[in-house]
């Protein structure tokens, strides 16, 4: 695993350097594709536990590979012929896995390990975001619409799954929607938010990789489950967490031009509360199995009611605070 991580860092650093210090569109495209391929190589080189896992993972990675290759080819074509606008943005959205090209995210996340989900959530996103930011001025309304739709559909579709990795896929779509909105706030807001997003996900997946499926098994310490619940609250954007700072930066950066969009996003935050509180509910109130989130009720009814009430209060306070802040 260490050698694969070193290989991933080397390839990603090369692609990042080519993108940042490039002087033409071809090098920009080359750096973006190098970063995408580094993720594919990293996932392919990991070991499989059994034949069925190898088959499912191969199909998921093949789907991801074809999406990256096809979208990368279209991006290069648009660069060559000088096309841009909303068509280029749709191709980039499909490449990143946000609305309207978000449907593949759940299938791919469902066959990966936790560390691979983290790599897929972070490493391939920088290149398309950079290209998007460089061309966003003329189509910011369309980008904002797709960002809001990503927040909505990511939370809604995430509620349809019981596999924890697919739920995190929905979370990825939601958070990428926030990053799309941040394109209207300038380079500092966009890349500052991206850095905070990376730190939040790194903390979450390191904790998840340490505990693994033990969080969903009988006999696991309740303190560990409660700690994981607070980590999920941080990922949701609870006050005084990194995700909260990220979303605050996005709101402040886009405040002047996109007031109603931001107000709509605050209301749509209810989807995020539903998505994460569902996971917390299974953590503290259900016994689980590998890969799933639900078997038998364990008798934490009072605690679940208290926890649900806490989430509802947090949502109400967050929306009221957001409206007051924007005014």
Protein backbone atom coordinates (compact mmCIF):
# COMPACT_ATOMS: atom_id res chain seq x y z
CA UNK A 1 0.00 0.00 0.00
CA UNK A 2 2.85 2.39 0.79
CA UNK A 3 4.42 1.93 -2.65
CA UNK A 4 1.06 2.53 -4.32
CA UNK A 5 0.58 5.73 -2.34
CA UNK A 6 4.07 6.91 -3.35
CA UNK A 7 3.28 6.13 -6.98
CA UNK A 8 -0.02 8.01 -6.70
CA UNK A 9 1.65 11.06 -5.16
CA UNK A 10 4.37 11.14 -7.83
CA UNK A 11 1.92 10.91 -10.74
CA UNK A 12 -0.48 13.39 -9.17
CA UNK A 13 2.33 15.85 -8.42
CA UNK A 14 3.50 15.62 -12.03
CA UNK A 15 0.00 16.28 -13.34
CA UNK A 16 -0.53 19.12 -10.87
CA UNK A 17 2.77 20.73 -11.83
CA UNK A 18 1.97 20.51 -15.53
CA UNK A 19 -1.44 22.13 -14.95
CA UNK A 20 -0.30 24.93 -12.66
CA UNK A 21 2.81 25.91 -14.61
CA UNK A 22 1.50 25.22 -18.11
CA UNK A 23 1.33 27.97 -20.69
CA UNK A 24 -1.15 26.41 -23.11
CA UNK A 25 -4.38 24.44 -23.17
CA UNK A 26 -2.79 21.16 -24.23
CA UNK A 27 -0.58 21.01 -21.12
CA UNK A 28 -3.60 21.94 -19.03
CA UNK A 29 -5.47 18.97 -20.49
CA UNK A 30 -2.42 16.69 -20.12
CA UNK A 31 -2.09 17.50 -16.42
CA UNK A 32 -5.79 16.88 -15.81
CA UNK A 33 -5.71 13.49 -17.53
CA UNK A 34 -2.52 12.49 -15.70
CA UNK A 35 -4.23 13.12 -12.37
CA UNK A 36 -7.27 11.09 -13.45
CA UNK A 37 -5.16 8.16 -14.64
CA UNK A 38 -3.15 8.17 -11.41
CA UNK A 39 -6.35 7.36 -9.53
CA UNK A 40 -7.19 4.51 -11.91
CA UNK A 41 -3.71 3.00 -11.57
CA UNK A 42 -3.90 3.27 -7.78
CA UNK A 43 -7.24 1.43 -7.64
CA UNK A 44 -6.17 -1.24 -10.13
CA UNK A 45 -2.98 -2.09 -8.23
CA UNK A 46 -4.76 -2.84 -4.95
CA UNK A 47 -5.28 -6.47 -3.98
CA UNK A 48 -8.59 -8.33 -4.11
CA UNK A 49 -9.90 -10.49 -1.28
CA UNK A 50 -11.88 -12.89 -3.47
CA UNK A 51 -12.95 -13.47 -7.06
CA UNK A 52 -16.37 -11.83 -6.75
CA UNK A 53 -14.82 -8.65 -5.42
CA UNK A 54 -12.37 -8.61 -8.33
CA UNK A 55 -15.22 -8.93 -10.84
CA UNK A 56 -17.35 -6.17 -9.29
CA UNK A 57 -14.41 -3.85 -8.83
CA UNK A 58 -13.20 -4.42 -12.38
CA UNK A 59 -16.61 -3.46 -13.77
CA UNK A 60 -16.74 -0.33 -11.63
CA UNK A 61 -13.23 0.76 -12.57
CA UNK A 62 -13.92 0.01 -16.24
CA UNK A 63 -16.95 2.29 -16.12
CA UNK A 64 -14.89 5.02 -14.45
CA UNK A 65 -12.07 4.57 -16.99
CA UNK A 66 -14.39 4.91 -19.99
CA UNK A 67 -16.04 8.00 -18.52
CA UNK A 68 -12.68 9.66 -17.91
CA UNK A 69 -11.32 8.76 -21.36
CA UNK A 70 -14.43 9.88 -23.26
CA UNK A 71 -14.84 13.13 -21.35
CA UNK A 72 -11.11 13.83 -21.60
CA UNK A 73 -11.29 13.34 -25.37
CA UNK A 74 -14.18 15.78 -25.67
CA UNK A 75 -12.37 18.37 -23.53
CA UNK A 76 -9.32 18.13 -25.81
CA UNK A 77 -11.58 18.44 -28.86
CA UNK A 78 -13.19 21.58 -27.47
CA UNK A 79 -9.76 23.06 -26.73
CA UNK A 80 -8.59 22.36 -30.29
CA UNK A 81 -11.64 23.87 -32.04
CA UNK A 82 -11.96 26.72 -29.54
CA UNK A 83 -15.39 25.77 -28.21
CA UNK A 84 -16.53 26.44 -24.67
CA UNK A 85 -19.65 27.48 -22.83
CA UNK A 86 -22.18 25.24 -21.14
CA UNK A 87 -21.42 22.20 -23.35
CA UNK A 88 -17.83 22.11 -22.05
CA UNK A 89 -19.13 22.51 -18.51
CA UNK A 90 -21.50 19.54 -18.89
CA UNK A 91 -18.55 17.40 -19.99
CA UNK A 92 -16.54 18.57 -16.96
CA UNK A 93 -19.49 17.88 -14.66
CA UNK A 94 -19.69 14.33 -15.99
CA UNK A 95 -15.96 13.95 -15.42
CA UNK A 96 -16.24 15.18 -11.81
CA UNK A 97 -19.43 13.26 -11.02
CA UNK A 98 -21.79 16.15 -10.30
CA UNK A 99 -25.22 17.01 -11.69
CA UNK A 100 -26.19 16.23 -14.44
CA UNK A 101 -23.43 13.58 -14.74
CA UNK A 102 -23.59 12.17 -11.21
CA UNK A 103 -25.26 8.77 -11.76
CA UNK A 104 -22.01 6.79 -12.16
CA UNK A 105 -20.67 7.88 -8.77
CA UNK A 106 -22.72 5.41 -6.72
CA UNK A 107 -21.83 2.39 -8.84
CA UNK A 108 -18.11 3.15 -8.66
CA UNK A 109 -18.00 4.03 -4.96
CA UNK A 110 -19.86 0.84 -4.10
CA UNK A 111 -16.98 -1.41 -5.27
CA UNK A 112 -14.05 0.52 -3.77
CA UNK A 113 -12.36 0.41 -0.38
CA UNK A 114 -12.53 3.37 2.00
CA UNK A 115 -9.08 4.70 1.10
CA UNK A 116 -9.92 4.38 -2.61
CA UNK A 117 -13.15 6.30 -2.05
CA UNK A 118 -11.11 9.09 -0.47
CA UNK A 119 -8.67 9.16 -3.39
CA UNK A 120 -11.54 9.23 -5.88
CA UNK A 121 -13.28 12.02 -3.94
CA UNK A 122 -10.23 14.30 -3.89
CA UNK A 123 -7.49 13.68 -6.44
CA UNK A 124 -9.33 13.83 -9.82
CA UNK A 125 -11.38 16.92 -8.89
CA UNK A 126 -8.71 19.61 -8.96
CA UNK A 127 -8.08 19.59 -12.72
CA UNK A 128 -11.71 20.00 -13.85
CA UNK A 129 -12.28 22.62 -11.13
CA UNK A 130 -9.31 24.64 -12.39
CA UNK A 131 -10.54 24.52 -16.00
CA UNK A 132 -14.05 25.36 -14.81
CA UNK A 133 -12.82 28.38 -12.87
CA UNK A 134 -10.86 29.68 -15.86
CA UNK A 135 -14.01 29.67 -18.04
CA UNK A 136 -16.80 30.28 -15.54
CA UNK A 137 -17.45 34.02 -16.00
CA UNK A 138 -19.89 33.69 -18.88
CA UNK A 139 -21.86 30.74 -17.45
CA UNK A 140 -21.92 31.32 -13.69
CA UNK A 141 -25.72 31.08 -13.53
CA UNK A 142 -25.62 27.63 -15.16
CA UNK A 143 -22.81 26.49 -12.86
CA UNK A 144 -24.75 27.72 -9.82
CA UNK A 145 -27.84 25.83 -10.97
CA UNK A 146 -25.84 22.61 -11.37
CA UNK A 147 -24.23 23.16 -7.96
CA UNK A 148 -27.60 23.56 -6.25
CA UNK A 149 -28.93 20.52 -8.13
CA UNK A 150 -25.92 18.48 -6.99
CA UNK A 151 -26.65 19.35 -3.36
CA UNK A 152 -30.27 18.29 -3.86
CA UNK A 153 -29.77 15.10 -5.87
CA UNK A 154 -26.71 13.95 -3.92
CA UNK A 155 -28.65 13.94 -0.66
CA UNK A 156 -31.84 12.55 -2.17
CA UNK A 157 -30.17 9.65 -4.02
CA UNK A 158 -27.91 8.88 -1.06
CA UNK A 159 -31.02 8.06 0.97
CA UNK A 160 -31.80 5.18 -1.42
CA UNK A 161 -28.73 3.13 -0.45
CA UNK A 162 -27.71 1.10 2.59
CA UNK A 163 -24.09 0.53 1.57
CA UNK A 164 -21.98 3.01 3.51
CA UNK A 165 -19.68 3.65 0.55
CA UNK A 166 -22.61 4.57 -1.71
CA UNK A 167 -23.90 6.93 0.94
CA UNK A 168 -20.48 8.58 0.92
CA UNK A 169 -20.83 8.79 -2.85
CA UNK A 170 -23.95 10.87 -2.33
CA UNK A 171 -22.01 12.98 0.16
CA UNK A 172 -19.32 13.52 -2.47
CA UNK A 173 -21.89 14.78 -4.99
CA UNK A 174 -23.28 17.17 -2.37
CA UNK A 175 -19.90 18.60 -1.38
CA UNK A 176 -18.84 19.00 -5.01
CA UNK A 177 -22.02 21.03 -5.48
CA UNK A 178 -20.74 23.43 -2.84
CA UNK A 179 -17.41 23.66 -4.64
CA UNK A 180 -19.19 24.51 -7.89
CA UNK A 181 -20.91 27.40 -6.14
CA UNK A 182 -17.54 28.58 -4.80
CA UNK A 183 -16.37 29.27 -8.37
CA UNK A 184 -18.26 32.57 -8.16
CA UNK A 185 -16.26 33.77 -5.18
CA UNK A 186 -12.81 33.96 -6.77
CA UNK A 187 -9.67 31.82 -6.73
CA UNK A 188 -9.04 32.20 -2.99
CA UNK A 189 -12.53 31.03 -2.07
CA UNK A 190 -12.49 28.12 -4.53
CA UNK A 191 -9.11 26.65 -3.71
CA UNK A 192 -9.34 27.49 -0.02
CA UNK A 193 -12.64 25.60 0.09
CA UNK A 194 -11.09 22.74 -1.85
CA UNK A 195 -8.23 22.49 0.66
CA UNK A 196 -10.64 22.44 3.60
CA UNK A 197 -12.72 19.81 1.79
CA UNK A 198 -9.62 17.63 1.44
CA UNK A 199 -8.76 17.99 5.14
CA UNK A 200 -12.31 17.14 6.22
CA UNK A 201 -12.46 14.03 4.04
CA UNK A 202 -8.98 12.95 5.11
CA UNK A 203 -9.99 13.07 8.77
CA UNK A 204 -13.21 11.19 8.07
CA UNK A 205 -11.73 8.40 5.94
CA UNK A 206 -8.72 7.91 8.23
CA UNK A 207 -11.13 7.38 11.11
CA UNK A 208 -13.29 5.10 8.98
CA UNK A 209 -10.32 3.12 7.70
CA UNK A 210 -9.08 2.62 11.28
CA UNK A 211 -12.39 1.30 12.58
CA UNK A 212 -13.61 -0.36 9.38
CA UNK A 213 -16.75 -2.48 9.56
CA UNK A 214 -16.30 -2.87 13.32
CA UNK A 215 -18.43 0.24 13.69
CA UNK A 216 -21.45 -1.74 12.44
CA UNK A 217 -20.82 -4.97 14.34
CA UNK A 218 -22.17 -6.24 17.62
CA UNK A 219 -20.03 -5.45 20.65
CA UNK A 220 -18.34 -2.34 19.27
CA UNK A 221 -17.76 0.32 21.89
CA UNK A 222 -20.55 2.90 21.93
CA UNK A 223 -17.96 5.62 22.50
CA UNK A 224 -16.41 4.82 19.11
CA UNK A 225 -19.80 5.01 17.41
CA UNK A 226 -20.61 8.32 19.08
CA UNK A 227 -17.20 9.70 18.07
CA UNK A 228 -17.89 8.63 14.49
CA UNK A 229 -21.24 10.39 14.72
CA UNK A 230 -19.52 13.65 15.63
CA UNK A 231 -17.11 13.17 12.72
CA UNK A 232 -20.14 12.87 10.44
CA UNK A 233 -21.57 16.04 11.96
CA UNK A 234 -18.31 17.76 11.09
CA UNK A 235 -18.63 16.51 7.51
CA UNK A 236 -22.16 17.92 7.44
CA UNK A 237 -20.83 21.38 8.35
CA UNK A 238 -21.56 21.77 12.04
CA UNK A 239 -20.38 25.10 13.52
CA UNK A 240 -16.70 25.29 14.51
CA UNK A 241 -15.73 22.47 12.11
CA UNK A 242 -13.64 22.69 8.94
CA UNK A 243 -16.64 21.95 6.72
CA UNK A 244 -18.50 24.81 8.39
CA UNK A 245 -15.59 27.15 7.61
CA UNK A 246 -15.59 25.90 4.02
CA UNK A 247 -19.28 26.63 3.54
CA UNK A 248 -18.96 29.97 5.31
CA UNK A 249 -16.18 30.96 2.89
CA UNK A 250 -18.36 29.97 -0.05
CA UNK A 251 -21.32 31.98 1.21
CA UNK A 252 -19.21 35.06 1.91
CA UNK A 253 -17.40 34.81 -1.43
CA UNK A 254 -20.63 34.56 -3.43
CA UNK A 255 -22.76 36.79 -1.21
CA UNK A 256 -23.09 39.83 -3.47
CA UNK A 257 -24.15 38.13 -6.68
CA UNK A 258 -25.94 34.95 -5.64
CA UNK A 259 -28.02 35.73 -2.57
CA UNK A 260 -31.08 33.69 -3.53
CA UNK A 261 -28.97 30.75 -4.67
CA UNK A 262 -27.26 30.67 -1.28
CA UNK A 263 -30.56 30.93 0.57
CA UNK A 264 -31.86 28.00 -1.48
CA UNK A 265 -28.75 25.98 -0.62
CA UNK A 266 -29.30 26.62 3.09
CA UNK A 267 -32.80 25.20 2.77
CA UNK A 268 -31.47 22.24 0.79
CA UNK A 269 -29.13 21.55 3.70
CA UNK A 270 -32.03 19.52 5.11
CA UNK A 271 -31.11 16.77 2.63
CA UNK A 272 -27.62 16.60 4.11
CA UNK A 273 -29.02 16.34 7.61
CA UNK A 274 -31.24 13.46 6.52
CA UNK A 275 -28.37 11.65 4.82
CA UNK A 276 -25.91 11.85 7.70
CA UNK A 277 -28.45 11.41 10.50
CA UNK A 278 -29.53 8.18 8.80
CA UNK A 279 -25.97 6.87 9.09
CA UNK A 280 -25.74 8.01 12.71
CA UNK A 281 -29.05 6.28 13.42
CA UNK A 282 -27.65 2.98 12.17
CA UNK A 283 -24.41 3.51 14.07
CA UNK A 284 -26.02 3.94 17.47
CA UNK A 285 -29.23 1.98 17.03
CA UNK A 286 -28.63 -0.97 14.72
CA UNK A 287 -26.51 -4.05 14.38
CA UNK A 288 -24.87 -4.27 10.98
CA UNK A 289 -23.13 -6.54 8.53
CA UNK A 290 -20.17 -6.05 6.25
CA UNK A 291 -21.03 -3.57 3.49
CA UNK A 292 -24.52 -2.82 4.79
CA UNK A 293 -26.15 -0.55 7.31
CA UNK A 294 -29.09 -2.30 8.80
CA UNK A 295 -30.22 -5.47 10.51
CA UNK A 296 -31.84 -5.52 13.94
CA UNK A 297 -32.92 -2.78 16.32
CA UNK A 298 -30.80 -2.61 19.45
CA UNK A 299 -32.93 -0.70 21.88
CA UNK A 300 -31.46 2.80 21.76
CA UNK A 301 -34.85 4.37 21.09
CA UNK A 302 -34.50 7.21 23.57
CA UNK A 303 -31.02 8.07 22.36
CA UNK A 304 -32.16 8.02 18.72
CA UNK A 305 -35.04 10.38 19.50
CA UNK A 306 -32.64 12.70 21.31
CA UNK A 307 -30.17 12.54 18.43
CA UNK A 308 -32.88 13.21 15.84
CA UNK A 309 -34.10 16.19 17.85
CA UNK A 310 -30.54 17.48 18.04
CA UNK A 311 -30.17 17.29 14.25
CA UNK A 312 -33.50 19.07 13.75
CA UNK A 313 -32.46 21.88 16.09
CA UNK A 314 -29.10 22.19 14.34
CA UNK A 315 -30.85 22.47 10.96
CA UNK A 316 -33.28 25.12 12.24
CA UNK A 317 -30.55 27.18 13.89
CA UNK A 318 -28.34 26.89 10.80
CA UNK A 319 -31.06 28.11 8.43
CA UNK A 320 -32.09 30.99 10.73
CA UNK A 321 -28.45 31.98 11.28
CA UNK A 322 -27.79 31.84 7.55
CA UNK A 323 -30.75 34.09 6.73
CA UNK A 324 -29.71 36.62 9.39
CA UNK A 325 -26.11 36.51 8.20
CA UNK A 326 -27.05 37.09 4.55
CA UNK A 327 -29.24 40.06 5.47
